[in-house]
N, C-alpha and C. Protein backbone atom coordinates (compact mmCIF):
# COMPACT_ATOMS: atom_id res chain seq x y z
N UNK A 1 -260.45 -128.22 -53.26
CA UNK A 1 -259.42 -128.28 -53.76
C UNK A 1 -258.62 -129.40 -53.77
N UNK A 2 -258.59 -130.57 -54.55
CA UNK A 2 -257.99 -132.12 -53.97
C UNK A 2 -256.19 -131.85 -53.00
N UNK A 3 -256.53 -132.61 -52.32
CA UNK A 3 -254.85 -132.97 -51.68
C UNK A 3 -253.30 -132.84 -52.69
N UNK A 4 -253.30 -132.79 -53.78
CA UNK A 4 -252.34 -133.51 -55.20
C UNK A 4 -252.31 -131.70 -55.76
N UNK A 5 -253.39 -131.18 -55.51
CA UNK A 5 -253.10 -129.39 -56.47
C UNK A 5 -253.05 -129.08 -54.58
N UNK A 6 -253.24 -129.17 -53.39
CA UNK A 6 -252.54 -129.18 -52.87
C UNK A 6 -250.90 -128.55 -52.54
N UNK A 7 -250.54 -130.09 -52.79
CA UNK A 7 -249.18 -130.25 -52.71
C UNK A 7 -248.70 -129.29 -54.09
N UNK A 8 -249.20 -129.32 -55.18
CA UNK A 8 -248.62 -129.00 -56.06
C UNK A 8 -248.32 -127.58 -55.50
N UNK A 9 -249.77 -126.71 -55.64
CA UNK A 9 -249.22 -125.26 -54.75
C UNK A 9 -248.48 -125.21 -53.96
N UNK A 10 -247.89 -126.01 -53.23
CA UNK A 10 -247.08 -125.59 -52.17
C UNK A 10 -245.84 -125.73 -52.89
N UNK A 11 -245.71 -127.04 -53.71
CA UNK A 11 -243.98 -127.07 -54.40
C UNK A 11 -243.77 -125.91 -55.11
N UNK A 12 -244.86 -125.39 -55.43
CA UNK A 12 -244.49 -124.14 -56.42
C UNK A 12 -243.99 -123.10 -55.80
N UNK A 13 -244.86 -122.47 -54.67
CA UNK A 13 -244.43 -121.29 -53.94
C UNK A 13 -243.59 -121.69 -53.39
N UNK A 14 -243.18 -123.32 -52.89
CA UNK A 14 -241.29 -123.50 -52.38
C UNK A 14 -240.45 -123.19 -53.38
N UNK A 15 -240.58 -123.90 -54.09
CA UNK A 15 -239.16 -123.17 -55.50
C UNK A 15 -239.65 -121.78 -56.04
N UNK A 16 -240.42 -121.21 -55.96
CA UNK A 16 -240.78 -119.94 -56.55
C UNK A 16 -239.69 -119.02 -55.05
N UNK A 17 -240.31 -119.29 -54.21
CA UNK A 17 -239.47 -118.56 -53.23
C UNK A 17 -237.60 -118.93 -52.98
N UNK A 18 -237.25 -120.83 -53.48
CA UNK A 18 -236.23 -120.86 -53.93
C UNK A 18 -235.66 -120.17 -54.44
N UNK A 19 -236.09 -119.46 -55.65
CA UNK A 19 -235.65 -118.98 -56.51
C UNK A 19 -235.50 -117.77 -56.14
N UNK A 20 -236.04 -117.13 -55.88
CA UNK A 20 -236.17 -115.69 -55.61
C UNK A 20 -235.19 -115.38 -54.27
N UNK A 21 -234.62 -116.26 -53.44
CA UNK A 21 -234.19 -116.26 -52.54
C UNK A 21 -231.60 -116.50 -53.43
N UNK A 22 -232.63 -117.09 -54.23
CA UNK A 22 -230.93 -117.89 -55.27
C UNK A 22 -230.67 -116.26 -55.97
N UNK A 23 -231.46 -115.64 -56.19
CA UNK A 23 -231.93 -114.19 -57.25
C UNK A 23 -231.07 -113.02 -56.45
N UNK A 24 -231.36 -113.10 -55.54
CA UNK A 24 -231.17 -112.60 -54.83
C UNK A 24 -229.89 -112.05 -53.79
N UNK A 25 -229.10 -113.31 -53.59
CA UNK A 25 -228.51 -113.73 -52.99
C UNK A 25 -227.02 -113.48 -54.87
N UNK A 26 -228.07 -113.89 -55.70
CA UNK A 26 -226.64 -113.36 -56.93
C UNK A 26 -226.11 -112.24 -56.72
N UNK A 27 -228.01 -110.70 -56.63
CA UNK A 27 -227.67 -109.46 -57.24
C UNK A 27 -226.60 -108.60 -56.21
N UNK A 28 -227.18 -109.55 -54.74
CA UNK A 28 -225.92 -109.52 -53.51
C UNK A 28 -224.98 -109.33 -53.87
N UNK A 29 -224.31 -109.88 -54.08
CA UNK A 29 -223.20 -110.53 -54.69
C UNK A 29 -222.36 -109.66 -55.75
N UNK A 30 -223.05 -109.52 -57.17
CA UNK A 30 -223.41 -108.67 -58.05
C UNK A 30 -222.95 -107.32 -57.18
N UNK A 31 -223.60 -107.01 -56.23
CA UNK A 31 -223.80 -106.05 -56.23
C UNK A 31 -222.73 -105.71 -55.00
N UNK A 32 -221.84 -106.54 -54.15
CA UNK A 32 -220.64 -105.55 -53.63
C UNK A 32 -219.35 -105.94 -54.83
N UNK A 33 -219.58 -106.86 -55.68
CA UNK A 33 -218.55 -107.28 -56.39
C UNK A 33 -217.91 -105.24 -57.61
N UNK A 34 -219.91 -105.91 -57.94
CA UNK A 34 -219.73 -103.98 -57.56
C UNK A 34 -218.86 -102.90 -57.33
N UNK A 35 -219.44 -102.80 -56.09
CA UNK A 35 -218.90 -101.96 -54.90
C UNK A 35 -217.68 -101.61 -55.08
N UNK A 36 -216.64 -102.89 -55.11
CA UNK A 36 -215.61 -103.18 -55.02
C UNK A 36 -215.45 -102.42 -55.84
N UNK A 37 -215.11 -102.75 -56.78
CA UNK A 37 -215.01 -102.08 -58.14
C UNK A 37 -215.28 -100.70 -57.79
N UNK A 38 -216.32 -99.92 -58.02
CA UNK A 38 -216.15 -98.51 -57.80
C UNK A 38 -214.78 -97.87 -56.36
N UNK A 39 -215.18 -98.89 -56.02
CA UNK A 39 -214.07 -98.26 -54.38
C UNK A 39 -212.21 -98.35 -55.16
N UNK A 40 -211.96 -99.11 -55.70
CA UNK A 40 -210.80 -99.66 -57.02
C UNK A 40 -211.24 -98.36 -57.82
N UNK A 41 -212.14 -97.94 -58.14
CA UNK A 41 -211.79 -96.60 -59.55
C UNK A 41 -210.98 -95.11 -58.60
N UNK A 42 -212.35 -95.16 -57.42
CA UNK A 42 -211.98 -93.76 -56.69
C UNK A 42 -210.60 -93.94 -56.25
N UNK A 43 -210.27 -95.02 -55.99
CA UNK A 43 -209.01 -94.88 -55.14
C UNK A 43 -207.63 -94.28 -56.27
N UNK A 44 -207.65 -95.22 -57.58
CA UNK A 44 -207.13 -94.80 -58.10
C UNK A 44 -207.06 -93.51 -58.83
N UNK A 45 -208.47 -93.45 -58.95
CA UNK A 45 -208.30 -91.72 -59.69
C UNK A 45 -208.16 -90.25 -58.19
N UNK A 46 -208.14 -91.17 -57.12
CA UNK A 46 -207.89 -89.83 -56.01
C UNK A 46 -206.50 -90.19 -56.27
N UNK A 47 -205.77 -91.10 -55.92
CA UNK A 47 -204.48 -91.45 -56.05
C UNK A 47 -203.97 -89.96 -57.52
N UNK A 48 -203.83 -90.85 -58.67
CA UNK A 48 -203.90 -90.10 -59.94
C UNK A 48 -204.64 -88.45 -59.28
N UNK A 49 -204.99 -87.73 -59.00
CA UNK A 49 -204.82 -86.48 -58.64
C UNK A 49 -204.42 -85.68 -57.45
N UNK A 50 -204.41 -86.83 -56.23
CA UNK A 50 -203.46 -86.84 -55.30
C UNK A 50 -201.88 -86.46 -55.68
N UNK A 51 -201.40 -86.54 -57.11
CA UNK A 51 -200.67 -86.85 -57.61
C UNK A 51 -200.27 -84.83 -58.05
N UNK A 52 -201.25 -84.93 -58.38
CA UNK A 52 -201.25 -84.08 -59.03
C UNK A 52 -201.20 -82.81 -58.08
N UNK A 53 -202.08 -82.36 -57.19
CA UNK A 53 -202.34 -81.63 -56.66
C UNK A 53 -201.07 -81.05 -55.20
N UNK A 54 -200.08 -82.63 -55.08
CA UNK A 54 -198.65 -83.00 -54.34
C UNK A 54 -197.95 -82.66 -54.60
N UNK A 55 -197.96 -82.85 -55.95
CA UNK A 55 -196.93 -81.23 -57.50
C UNK A 55 -197.15 -80.17 -57.30
N UNK A 56 -197.90 -79.84 -57.30
CA UNK A 56 -198.29 -78.58 -56.86
C UNK A 56 -198.12 -77.30 -55.85
N UNK A 57 -198.57 -78.36 -54.54
CA UNK A 57 -198.25 -77.79 -53.21
C UNK A 57 -197.44 -77.82 -53.16
N UNK A 58 -195.87 -78.61 -53.43
CA UNK A 58 -194.53 -79.20 -52.76
C UNK A 58 -193.71 -77.45 -54.51
N UNK A 59 -194.67 -76.99 -54.83
CA UNK A 59 -194.30 -75.82 -55.40
C UNK A 59 -194.09 -74.85 -54.55
N UNK A 60 -194.77 -74.54 -53.77
CA UNK A 60 -195.78 -73.67 -52.78
C UNK A 60 -195.28 -73.80 -51.00
N UNK A 61 -193.84 -74.80 -51.31
CA UNK A 61 -194.27 -74.85 -49.97
C UNK A 61 -194.59 -75.86 -48.54
N UNK A 62 -196.03 -77.32 -49.29
CA UNK A 62 -196.42 -77.13 -48.52
C UNK A 62 -196.19 -78.88 -48.00
N UNK A 63 -196.12 -79.08 -46.97
CA UNK A 63 -196.05 -80.71 -47.14
C UNK A 63 -196.79 -81.12 -47.26
N UNK A 64 -196.81 -82.21 -48.24
CA UNK A 64 -198.01 -82.89 -48.79
C UNK A 64 -198.24 -84.50 -48.20
N UNK A 65 -197.44 -85.15 -48.05
CA UNK A 65 -196.19 -85.85 -47.09
C UNK A 65 -197.56 -86.21 -46.39
N UNK A 66 -197.71 -85.53 -45.11
CA UNK A 66 -198.75 -85.40 -43.63
C UNK A 66 -199.45 -85.37 -44.20
N UNK A 67 -200.46 -84.45 -45.44
CA UNK A 67 -202.13 -84.12 -45.99
C UNK A 67 -202.43 -85.62 -46.84
N UNK A 68 -201.05 -86.56 -47.67
CA UNK A 68 -201.34 -87.36 -47.76
C UNK A 68 -201.75 -88.99 -47.13
N UNK A 69 -200.92 -89.10 -45.89
CA UNK A 69 -201.27 -89.71 -44.79
C UNK A 69 -203.01 -89.80 -44.43
N UNK A 70 -203.66 -88.42 -44.43
CA UNK A 70 -204.81 -88.28 -44.18
C UNK A 70 -205.32 -88.64 -45.32
N UNK A 71 -205.17 -88.63 -46.43
CA UNK A 71 -206.42 -89.10 -47.02
C UNK A 71 -206.41 -90.20 -47.21
N UNK A 72 -205.09 -91.08 -47.23
CA UNK A 72 -205.21 -92.94 -47.62
C UNK A 72 -206.28 -93.09 -46.00
N UNK A 73 -206.15 -92.34 -45.00
CA UNK A 73 -206.96 -93.42 -44.02
C UNK A 73 -207.99 -92.69 -44.00
N UNK A 74 -208.49 -92.13 -44.51
CA UNK A 74 -209.81 -91.80 -44.98
C UNK A 74 -210.72 -92.79 -45.58
N UNK A 75 -209.75 -92.95 -46.89
CA UNK A 75 -210.02 -93.65 -47.44
C UNK A 75 -210.61 -95.26 -47.25
N UNK A 76 -209.53 -95.70 -46.50
CA UNK A 76 -209.70 -96.82 -46.44
C UNK A 76 -211.12 -96.63 -44.94
N UNK A 77 -210.86 -95.44 -44.54
CA UNK A 77 -212.17 -95.48 -43.78
C UNK A 77 -213.94 -96.42 -44.47
N UNK A 78 -213.99 -94.56 -45.25
CA UNK A 78 -214.18 -95.15 -46.27
C UNK A 78 -214.82 -96.65 -47.29
N UNK A 79 -214.10 -97.06 -47.93
CA UNK A 79 -214.03 -98.27 -47.49
C UNK A 79 -214.80 -99.36 -46.68
N UNK A 80 -214.26 -99.58 -45.42
CA UNK A 80 -215.17 -99.94 -44.72
C UNK A 80 -216.47 -99.99 -44.86
N UNK A 81 -216.80 -98.69 -44.07
CA UNK A 81 -218.06 -98.03 -44.04
C UNK A 81 -218.59 -98.56 -45.64
N UNK A 82 -218.43 -98.27 -46.96
CA UNK A 82 -219.69 -99.08 -47.78
C UNK A 82 -219.27 -100.82 -48.08
N UNK A 83 -218.45 -101.34 -46.95
CA UNK A 83 -218.18 -103.34 -46.87
C UNK A 83 -219.02 -103.33 -45.67
N UNK A 84 -219.65 -102.71 -44.11
CA UNK A 84 -220.58 -102.88 -43.17
C UNK A 84 -221.51 -102.57 -43.88
N UNK A 85 -222.04 -101.23 -45.14
CA UNK A 85 -223.31 -100.64 -45.48
C UNK A 85 -223.44 -102.33 -46.69
N UNK A 86 -222.48 -102.76 -47.11
CA UNK A 86 -223.27 -104.43 -47.73
C UNK A 86 -223.69 -104.74 -46.51
N UNK A 87 -223.00 -105.29 -46.24
CA UNK A 87 -223.41 -106.03 -45.20
C UNK A 87 -224.35 -105.87 -44.46
N UNK A 88 -224.88 -104.98 -43.78
CA UNK A 88 -225.80 -104.80 -42.50
C UNK A 88 -226.81 -104.46 -42.87
N UNK A 89 -227.30 -104.22 -44.87
CA UNK A 89 -228.14 -103.21 -45.31
C UNK A 89 -228.73 -104.61 -46.69
N UNK A 90 -228.12 -105.31 -47.33
CA UNK A 90 -227.46 -106.14 -48.66
C UNK A 90 -228.49 -105.56 -49.53
N UNK A 91 -229.92 -105.19 -49.21
CA UNK A 91 -231.31 -104.84 -49.91
C UNK A 91 -231.51 -104.11 -50.56
N UNK A 92 -230.96 -102.63 -49.47
CA UNK A 92 -231.23 -101.77 -49.53
C UNK A 92 -230.00 -101.31 -50.23
N UNK A 93 -228.80 -102.08 -50.44
CA UNK A 93 -228.18 -101.41 -51.10
C UNK A 93 -227.94 -102.22 -51.96
N UNK A 94 -228.88 -103.18 -52.66
CA UNK A 94 -228.98 -104.05 -53.60
C UNK A 94 -230.18 -102.74 -55.32
N UNK A 95 -231.10 -101.90 -53.95
CA UNK A 95 -231.63 -101.30 -54.72
C UNK A 95 -231.16 -99.58 -55.03
N UNK A 96 -230.54 -99.44 -54.80
CA UNK A 96 -229.51 -98.15 -54.76
C UNK A 96 -228.49 -98.48 -55.87
N UNK A 97 -227.98 -99.75 -56.15
CA UNK A 97 -227.22 -100.58 -57.30
C UNK A 97 -228.16 -100.29 -58.66
N UNK A 98 -229.49 -100.62 -58.18
CA UNK A 98 -230.62 -100.83 -59.65
C UNK A 98 -230.76 -99.68 -59.54
N UNK A 99 -230.72 -98.82 -58.99
CA UNK A 99 -231.22 -96.92 -59.15
C UNK A 99 -230.25 -96.43 -60.21
N UNK A 100 -228.67 -96.91 -59.09
CA UNK A 100 -228.25 -96.29 -60.09
C UNK A 100 -227.41 -97.05 -61.55
N UNK A 101 -228.13 -98.74 -61.50
CA UNK A 101 -227.66 -98.47 -62.84
C UNK A 101 -228.75 -98.24 -63.59
N UNK A 102 -230.54 -97.99 -63.82
CA UNK A 102 -230.62 -97.18 -64.08
C UNK A 102 -231.05 -96.01 -64.39
N UNK A 103 -230.75 -95.63 -63.58
CA UNK A 103 -230.10 -93.80 -63.60
C UNK A 103 -228.44 -93.78 -64.84
N UNK A 104 -227.45 -94.38 -65.39
CA UNK A 104 -226.93 -94.53 -65.62
C UNK A 104 -226.93 -94.87 -66.99
N UNK A 105 -228.08 -96.08 -66.87
CA UNK A 105 -228.71 -96.42 -68.65
C UNK A 105 -229.70 -96.07 -69.34
N UNK A 106 -230.38 -94.09 -68.48
CA UNK A 106 -231.02 -93.71 -69.29
C UNK A 106 -230.43 -92.47 -69.39
N UNK A 107 -228.92 -91.84 -69.12
CA UNK A 107 -228.12 -90.68 -69.63
C UNK A 107 -226.85 -91.63 -70.80
N UNK A 108 -227.32 -92.81 -70.91
CA UNK A 108 -226.64 -93.32 -71.71
C UNK A 108 -226.94 -93.48 -73.33
N UNK A 109 -228.12 -93.42 -73.15
CA UNK A 109 -229.02 -93.72 -73.66
C UNK A 109 -229.75 -93.02 -74.58
N UNK A 110 -229.50 -91.47 -73.93
CA UNK A 110 -229.61 -90.36 -74.65
C UNK A 110 -228.86 -89.90 -75.61
């Protein structure tokens, strides 16, 4: 094997590694954005559900303000935990997001 072939092979490997790194970083950004969208959706749906439950509980005399405050604290904690998981284990989160995407794709294809 000549020096030119060796340099060419190394350049190809370096290029492939750079491409892979770029793809992984792009995937992690997409996953982080998707997770943020999911958190927003969960918060919105939880708010609607809380309003319905609050109305029903108020009719029987339960103080829903205290319960609402506790729910907000838990939602904030969940968002913090998701963000921390994405930062500490981006590849795991990317794998989970890919698995969820495949599952949703299979379910919608039926």
